[in-house]
PDB file of N, CA and C in Angstrom:
ATOM      1  N   MET A   1     170.390  81.405 193.555  1.00  0.00           N
ATOM      2  CA  MET A   1     170.698  81.770 194.926  1.00  0.00           C
ATOM      3  C   MET A   1     169.545  82.582 195.499  1.00  0.00           C
ATOM      4  N   SER A   2     169.190  82.312 196.722  1.00  0.00           N
ATOM      5  CA  SER A   2     168.068  82.975 197.366  1.00  0.00           C
ATOM      6  C   SER A   2     168.511  84.226 198.106  1.00  0.00           C
ATOM      7  N   ASP A   3     167.627  85.236 198.146  1.00  0.00           N
ATOM      8  CA  ASP A   3     167.906  86.462 198.884  1.00  0.00           C
ATOM      9  C   ASP A   3     167.325  86.403 200.293  1.00  0.00           C
ATOM     10  N   VAL A   4     166.829  85.245 200.712  1.00  0.00           N
ATOM     11  CA  VAL A   4     166.221  85.095 202.029  1.00  0.00           C
ATOM     12  C   VAL A   4     167.318  84.971 203.081  1.00  0.00           C
ATOM     13  N   ASP A   5     167.174  85.737 204.151  1.00  0.00           N
ATOM     14  CA  ASP A   5     168.103  85.692 205.272  1.00  0.00           C
ATOM     15  C   ASP A   5     167.289  86.005 206.519  1.00  0.00           C
ATOM     16  N   LEU A   6     166.722  84.975 207.143  1.00  0.00           N
ATOM     17  CA  LEU A   6     165.773  85.154 208.230  1.00  0.00           C
ATOM     18  C   LEU A   6     166.337  84.577 209.520  1.00  0.00           C
ATOM     19  N   PHE A   7     166.268  85.368 210.594  1.00  0.00           N
ATOM     20  CA  PHE A   7     166.657  84.902 211.915  1.00  0.00           C
ATOM     21  C   PHE A   7     165.442  84.943 212.821  1.00  0.00           C
ATOM     22  N   VAL A   8     165.307  83.927 213.693  1.00  0.00           N
ATOM     23  CA  VAL A   8     164.253  83.905 214.700  1.00  0.00           C
ATOM     24  C   VAL A   8     164.904  83.601 216.043  1.00  0.00           C
ATOM     25  N   ALA A   9     164.347  84.200 217.101  1.00  0.00           N
ATOM     26  CA  ALA A   9     164.909  84.035 218.439  1.00  0.00           C
ATOM     27  C   ALA A   9     163.784  84.035 219.456  1.00  0.00           C
ATOM     28  N   GLY A  10     164.062  83.460 220.638  1.00  0.00           N
ATOM     29  CA  GLY A  10     163.023  83.439 221.654  1.00  0.00           C
ATOM     30  C   GLY A  10     163.478  82.808 222.952  1.00  0.00           C
ATOM     31  N   HIS A  11     162.522  82.183 223.644  1.00  0.00           N
ATOM     32  CA  HIS A  11     162.779  81.577 224.953  1.00  0.00           C
ATOM     33  C   HIS A  11     163.815  80.462 224.863  1.00  0.00           C
ATOM     34  N   TYR A  12     164.447  80.194 225.994  1.00  0.00           N
ATOM     35  CA  TYR A  12     165.505  79.179 226.121  1.00  0.00           C
ATOM     36  C   TYR A  12     166.712  79.527 225.252  1.00  0.00           C
ATOM     37  N   ASN A  13     166.900  80.820 225.007  1.00  0.00           N
ATOM     38  CA  ASN A  13     167.978  81.324 224.146  1.00  0.00           C
ATOM     39  C   ASN A  13     167.955  80.648 222.776  1.00  0.00           C
ATOM     40  N   PHE A  14     166.750  80.410 222.269  1.00  0.00           N
ATOM     41  CA  PHE A  14     166.583  79.826 220.936  1.00  0.00           C
ATOM     42  C   PHE A  14     167.015  80.838 219.883  1.00  0.00           C
ATOM     43  N   LEU A  15     167.896  80.426 218.987  1.00  0.00           N
ATOM     44  CA  LEU A  15     168.296  81.260 217.859  1.00  0.00           C
ATOM     45  C   LEU A  15     168.456  80.351 216.653  1.00  0.00           C
ATOM     46  N   SER A  16     167.806  80.727 215.554  1.00  0.00           N
ATOM     47  CA  SER A  16     167.834  79.916 214.349  1.00  0.00           C
ATOM     48  C   SER A  16     167.920  80.821 213.130  1.00  0.00           C
ATOM     49  N   HIS A  17     168.526  80.299 212.065  1.00  0.00           N
ATOM     50  CA  HIS A  17     168.712  81.059 210.820  1.00  0.00           C
ATOM     51  C   HIS A  17     168.181  80.243 209.643  1.00  0.00           C
ATOM     52  N   TYR A  18     167.437  80.927 208.763  1.00  0.00           N
ATOM     53  CA  TYR A  18     166.942  80.324 207.530  1.00  0.00           C
ATOM     54  C   TYR A  18     167.570  81.064 206.364  1.00  0.00           C
ATOM     55  N   ASN A  19     168.246  80.351 205.472  1.00  0.00           N
ATOM     56  CA  ASN A  19     168.941  80.983 204.344  1.00  0.00           C
ATOM     57  C   ASN A  19     168.182  80.881 203.028  1.00  0.00           C
ATOM     58  N   GLY A  20     166.931  80.455 203.086  1.00  0.00           N
ATOM     59  CA  GLY A  20     166.129  80.305 201.877  1.00  0.00           C
ATOM     60  C   GLY A  20     166.008  78.863 201.444  1.00  0.00           C
ATOM     61  N   ALA A  21     166.879  78.010 201.964  1.00  0.00           N
ATOM     62  CA  ALA A  21     166.833  76.590 201.633  1.00  0.00           C
ATOM     63  C   ALA A  21     166.859  75.708 202.874  1.00  0.00           C
ATOM     64  N   ASN A  22     167.623  76.125 203.880  1.00  0.00           N
ATOM     65  CA  ASN A  22     167.818  75.300 205.070  1.00  0.00           C
ATOM     66  C   ASN A  22     167.736  76.130 206.341  1.00  0.00           C
ATOM     67  N   TRP A  23     167.305  75.471 207.428  1.00  0.00           N
ATOM     68  CA  TRP A  23     167.317  76.070 208.757  1.00  0.00           C
ATOM     69  C   TRP A  23     168.554  75.580 209.491  1.00  0.00           C
ATOM     70  N   HIS A  24     169.152  76.468 210.291  1.00  0.00           N
ATOM     71  CA  HIS A  24     170.239  76.075 211.190  1.00  0.00           C
ATOM     72  C   HIS A  24     169.920  76.622 212.573  1.00  0.00           C
ATOM     73  N   GLN A  25     169.852  75.732 213.555  1.00  0.00           N
ATOM     74  CA  GLN A  25     169.608  76.149 214.936  1.00  0.00           C
ATOM     75  C   GLN A  25     170.940  76.178 215.673  1.00  0.00           C
ATOM     76  N   TYR A  26     171.192  77.250 216.419  1.00  0.00           N
ATOM     77  CA  TYR A  26     172.415  77.412 217.184  1.00  0.00           C
ATOM     78  C   TYR A  26     172.208  76.827 218.583  1.00  0.00           C
ATOM     79  N   ALA A  27     172.261  75.495 218.656  1.00  0.00           N
ATOM     80  CA  ALA A  27     171.973  74.768 219.896  1.00  0.00           C
ATOM     81  C   ALA A  27     172.979  75.080 220.994  1.00  0.00           C
ATOM     82  N   GLU A  28     174.186  75.497 220.640  1.00  0.00           N
ATOM     83  CA  GLU A  28     175.204  75.804 221.644  1.00  0.00           C
ATOM     84  C   GLU A  28     174.840  77.022 222.498  1.00  0.00           C
ATOM     85  N   LEU A  29     173.866  77.813 222.055  1.00  0.00           N
ATOM     86  CA  LEU A  29     173.417  78.981 222.818  1.00  0.00           C
ATOM     87  C   LEU A  29     172.265  78.660 223.761  1.00  0.00           C
ATOM     88  N   ALA A  30     171.663  77.483 223.623  1.00  0.00           N
ATOM     89  CA  ALA A  30     170.463  77.126 224.388  1.00  0.00           C
ATOM     90  C   ALA A  30     170.715  77.161 225.892  1.00  0.00           C
ATOM     91  N   SER A  31     169.720  77.681 226.614  1.00  0.00           N
ATOM     92  CA  SER A  31     169.773  77.736 228.074  1.00  0.00           C
ATOM     93  C   SER A  31     168.344  77.741 228.606  1.00  0.00           C
ATOM     94  N   PRO A  32     168.021  76.864 229.552  1.00  0.00           N
ATOM     95  CA  PRO A  32     166.653  76.832 230.077  1.00  0.00           C
ATOM     96  C   PRO A  32     166.295  78.079 230.883  1.00  0.00           C
ATOM     97  N   ASP A  33     167.293  78.863 231.266  1.00  0.00           N
ATOM     98  CA  ASP A  33     167.061  80.059 232.079  1.00  0.00           C
ATOM     99  C   ASP A  33     167.237  81.354 231.292  1.00  0.00           C
ATOM    100  N   GLY A  34     167.272  81.275 229.966  1.00  0.00           N
ATOM    101  CA  GLY A  34     167.516  82.474 229.173  1.00  0.00           C
ATOM    102  C   GLY A  34     166.476  82.688 228.106  1.00  0.00           C
ATOM    103  N   TRP A  35     166.475  83.880 227.560  1.00  0.00           N
ATOM    104  CA  TRP A  35     165.606  84.201 226.433  1.00  0.00           C
ATOM    105  C   TRP A  35     166.201  85.361 225.663  1.00  0.00           C
ATOM    106  N   PHE A  36     165.962  85.361 224.361  1.00  0.00           N
ATOM    107  CA  PHE A  36     166.338  86.478 223.502  1.00  0.00           C
ATOM    108  C   PHE A  36     165.095  87.318 223.250  1.00  0.00           C
ATOM    109  N   ASN A  37     165.211  88.618 223.441  1.00  0.00           N
ATOM    110  CA  ASN A  37     164.101  89.538 223.202  1.00  0.00           C
ATOM    111  C   ASN A  37     164.067  90.046 221.771  1.00  0.00           C
ATOM    112  N   SER A  38     165.241  90.126 221.154  1.00  0.00           N
ATOM    113  CA  SER A  38     165.312  90.749 219.835  1.00  0.00           C
ATOM    114  C   SER A  38     166.511  90.197 219.071  1.00  0.00           C
ATOM    115  N   VAL A  39     166.381  90.178 217.755  1.00  0.00           N
ATOM    116  CA  VAL A  39     167.484  89.782 216.889  1.00  0.00           C
ATOM    117  C   VAL A  39     167.429  90.651 215.633  1.00  0.00           C
ATOM    118  N   ASP A  40     168.599  91.041 215.138  1.00  0.00           N
ATOM    119  CA  ASP A  40     168.665  91.858 213.925  1.00  0.00           C
ATOM    120  C   ASP A  40     169.924  91.480 213.160  1.00  0.00           C
ATOM    121  N   SER A  41     169.882  91.629 211.852  1.00  0.00           N
ATOM    122  CA  SER A  41     171.062  91.357 211.032  1.00  0.00           C
ATOM    123  C   SER A  41     171.240  92.471 210.015  1.00  0.00           C
ATOM    124  N   ARG A  42     172.490  92.760 209.750  1.00  0.00           N
ATOM    125  CA  ARG A  42     172.873  93.741 208.737  1.00  0.00           C
ATOM    126  C   ARG A  42     174.141  93.244 208.073  1.00  0.00           C
ATOM    127  N   GLY A  43     174.092  93.099 206.781  1.00  0.00           N
ATOM    128  CA  GLY A  43     175.274  92.613 206.078  1.00  0.00           C
ATOM    129  C   GLY A  43     175.693  91.252 206.591  1.00  0.00           C
ATOM    130  N   ASN A  44     176.917  91.160 207.063  1.00  0.00           N
ATOM    131  CA  ASN A  44     177.460  89.895 207.552  1.00  0.00           C
ATOM    132  C   ASN A  44     177.412  89.756 209.063  1.00  0.00           C
ATOM    133  N   THR A  45     176.660  90.607 209.754  1.00  0.00           N
ATOM    134  CA  THR A  45     176.612  90.599 211.212  1.00  0.00           C
ATOM    135  C   THR A  45     175.190  90.371 211.701  1.00  0.00           C
ATOM    136  N   VAL A  46     175.050  89.541 212.730  1.00  0.00           N
ATOM    137  CA  VAL A  46     173.769  89.333 213.396  1.00  0.00           C
ATOM    138  C   VAL A  46     173.985  89.558 214.890  1.00  0.00           C
ATOM    139  N   VAL A  47     173.012  90.213 215.533  1.00  0.00           N
ATOM    140  CA  VAL A  47     173.076  90.483 216.965  1.00  0.00           C
ATOM    141  C   VAL A  47     171.763  90.053 217.605  1.00  0.00           C
ATOM    142  N   ALA A  48     171.853  89.277 218.674  1.00  0.00           N
ATOM    143  CA  ALA A  48     170.682  88.885 219.466  1.00  0.00           C
ATOM    144  C   ALA A  48     170.894  89.393 220.887  1.00  0.00           C
ATOM    145  N   VAL A  49     169.841  89.956 221.480  1.00  0.00           N
ATOM    146  CA  VAL A  49     169.933  90.474 222.858  1.00  0.00           C
ATOM    147  C   VAL A  49     168.819  89.856 223.690  1.00  0.00           C
ATOM    148  N   GLY A  50     169.121  89.645 224.972  1.00  0.00           N
ATOM    149  CA  GLY A  50     168.131  89.054 225.863  1.00  0.00           C
ATOM    150  C   GLY A  50     168.613  89.040 227.289  1.00  0.00           C
ATOM    151  N   SER A  51     168.142  88.061 228.052  1.00  0.00           N
ATOM    152  CA  SER A  51     168.443  87.985 229.480  1.00  0.00           C
ATOM    153  C   SER A  51     168.702  86.552 229.896  1.00  0.00           C
ATOM    154  N   LEU A  52     169.452  86.417 230.982  1.00  0.00           N
ATOM    155  CA  LEU A  52     169.687  85.134 231.637  1.00  0.00           C
ATOM    156  C   LEU A  52     169.211  85.292 233.065  1.00  0.00           C
ATOM    157  N   TYR A  53     168.260  84.473 233.478  1.00  0.00           N
ATOM    158  CA  TYR A  53     167.601  84.580 234.774  1.00  0.00           C
ATOM    159  C   TYR A  53     168.177  83.539 235.724  1.00  0.00           C
ATOM    160  N   ASN A  54     168.824  84.017 236.790  1.00  0.00           N
ATOM    161  CA  ASN A  54     169.387  83.120 237.804  1.00  0.00           C
ATOM    162  C   ASN A  54     168.708  83.303 239.150  1.00  0.00           C
ATOM    163  N   GLY A  55     167.544  83.904 239.177  1.00  0.00           N
ATOM    164  CA  GLY A  55     166.820  84.170 240.415  1.00  0.00           C
ATOM    165  C   GLY A  55     166.261  85.569 240.392  1.00  0.00           C
ATOM    166  N   PRO A  56     165.359  85.898 241.320  1.00  0.00           N
ATOM    167  CA  PRO A  56     164.672  87.191 241.275  1.00  0.00           C
ATOM    168  C   PRO A  56     165.598  88.409 241.408  1.00  0.00           C
ATOM    169  N   THR A  57     166.770  88.221 241.985  1.00  0.00           N
ATOM    170  CA  THR A  57     167.693  89.352 242.120  1.00  0.00           C
ATOM    171  C   THR A  57     168.965  89.139 241.317  1.00  0.00           C
ATOM    172  N   ASP A  58     168.971  88.173 240.411  1.00  0.00           N
ATOM    173  CA  ASP A  58     170.167  87.838 239.640  1.00  0.00           C
ATOM    174  C   ASP A  58     169.802  87.614 238.172  1.00  0.00           C
ATOM    175  N   VAL A  59     169.577  88.715 237.468  1.00  0.00           N
ATOM    176  CA  VAL A  59     169.246  88.680 236.043  1.00  0.00           C
ATOM    177  C   VAL A  59     170.350  89.413 235.294  1.00  0.00           C
ATOM    178  N   HIS A  60     170.873  88.788 234.254  1.00  0.00           N
ATOM    179  CA  HIS A  60     171.988  89.362 233.501  1.00  0.00           C
ATOM    180  C   HIS A  60     171.595  89.596 232.043  1.00  0.00           C
ATOM    181  N   ALA A  61     172.115  90.665 231.481  1.00  0.00           N
ATOM    182  CA  ALA A  61     171.921  90.931 230.053  1.00  0.00           C
ATOM    183  C   ALA A  61     172.786  89.975 229.240  1.00  0.00           C
ATOM    184  N   VAL A  62     172.260  89.559 228.093  1.00  0.00           N
ATOM    185  CA  VAL A  62     172.992  88.679 227.188  1.00  0.00           C
ATOM    186  C   VAL A  62     173.015  89.343 225.817  1.00  0.00           C
ATOM    187  N   ILE A  63     174.195  89.443 225.242  1.00  0.00           N
ATOM    188  CA  ILE A  63     174.350  89.958 223.883  1.00  0.00           C
ATOM    189  C   ILE A  63     175.207  88.959 223.118  1.00  0.00           C
ATOM    190  N   VAL A  64     174.683  88.478 221.985  1.00  0.00           N
ATOM    191  CA  VAL A  64     175.403  87.536 221.140  1.00  0.00           C
ATOM    192  C   VAL A  64     175.613  88.207 219.786  1.00  0.00           C
ATOM    193  N   ILE A  65     176.861  88.240 219.343  1.00  0.00           N
ATOM    194  CA  ILE A  65     177.212  88.818 218.041  1.00  0.00           C
ATOM    195  C   ILE A  65     177.800  87.727 217.178  1.00  0.00           C
ATOM    196  N   GLY A  66     177.233  87.545 215.995  1.00  0.00           N
ATOM    197  CA  GLY A  66     177.743  86.554 215.063  1.00  0.00           C
ATOM    198  C   GLY A  66     178.133  87.200 213.745  1.00  0.00           C
ATOM    199  N   ARG A  67     179.141  86.628 213.113  1.00  0.00           N
ATOM    200  CA  ARG A  67     179.615  87.120 211.809  1.00  0.00           C
ATOM    201  C   ARG A  67     179.799  85.953 210.870  1.00  0.00           C
ATOM    202  N   ARG A  68     179.595  86.210 209.608  1.00  0.00           N
ATOM    203  CA  ARG A  68     179.815  85.158 208.591  1.00  0.00           C
ATOM    204  C   ARG A  68     181.288  84.961 208.364  1.00  0.00           C
TER     205      ARG A  68
END
């Protein structure tokens, strides 16, 4: 069993997880108007934070919490 637990996040609300053997992309979170600025995991919880851009005066914070 591998001890690798890697998450990557970025533009278009891209979020993906690598468990040491396989990658899994969370395509259901994808948005052409969004981006994740940061992602962190502790134990069985992962949190990604970012923004959703709907125009110059309409930007919303996005927080995604996942659990195993």
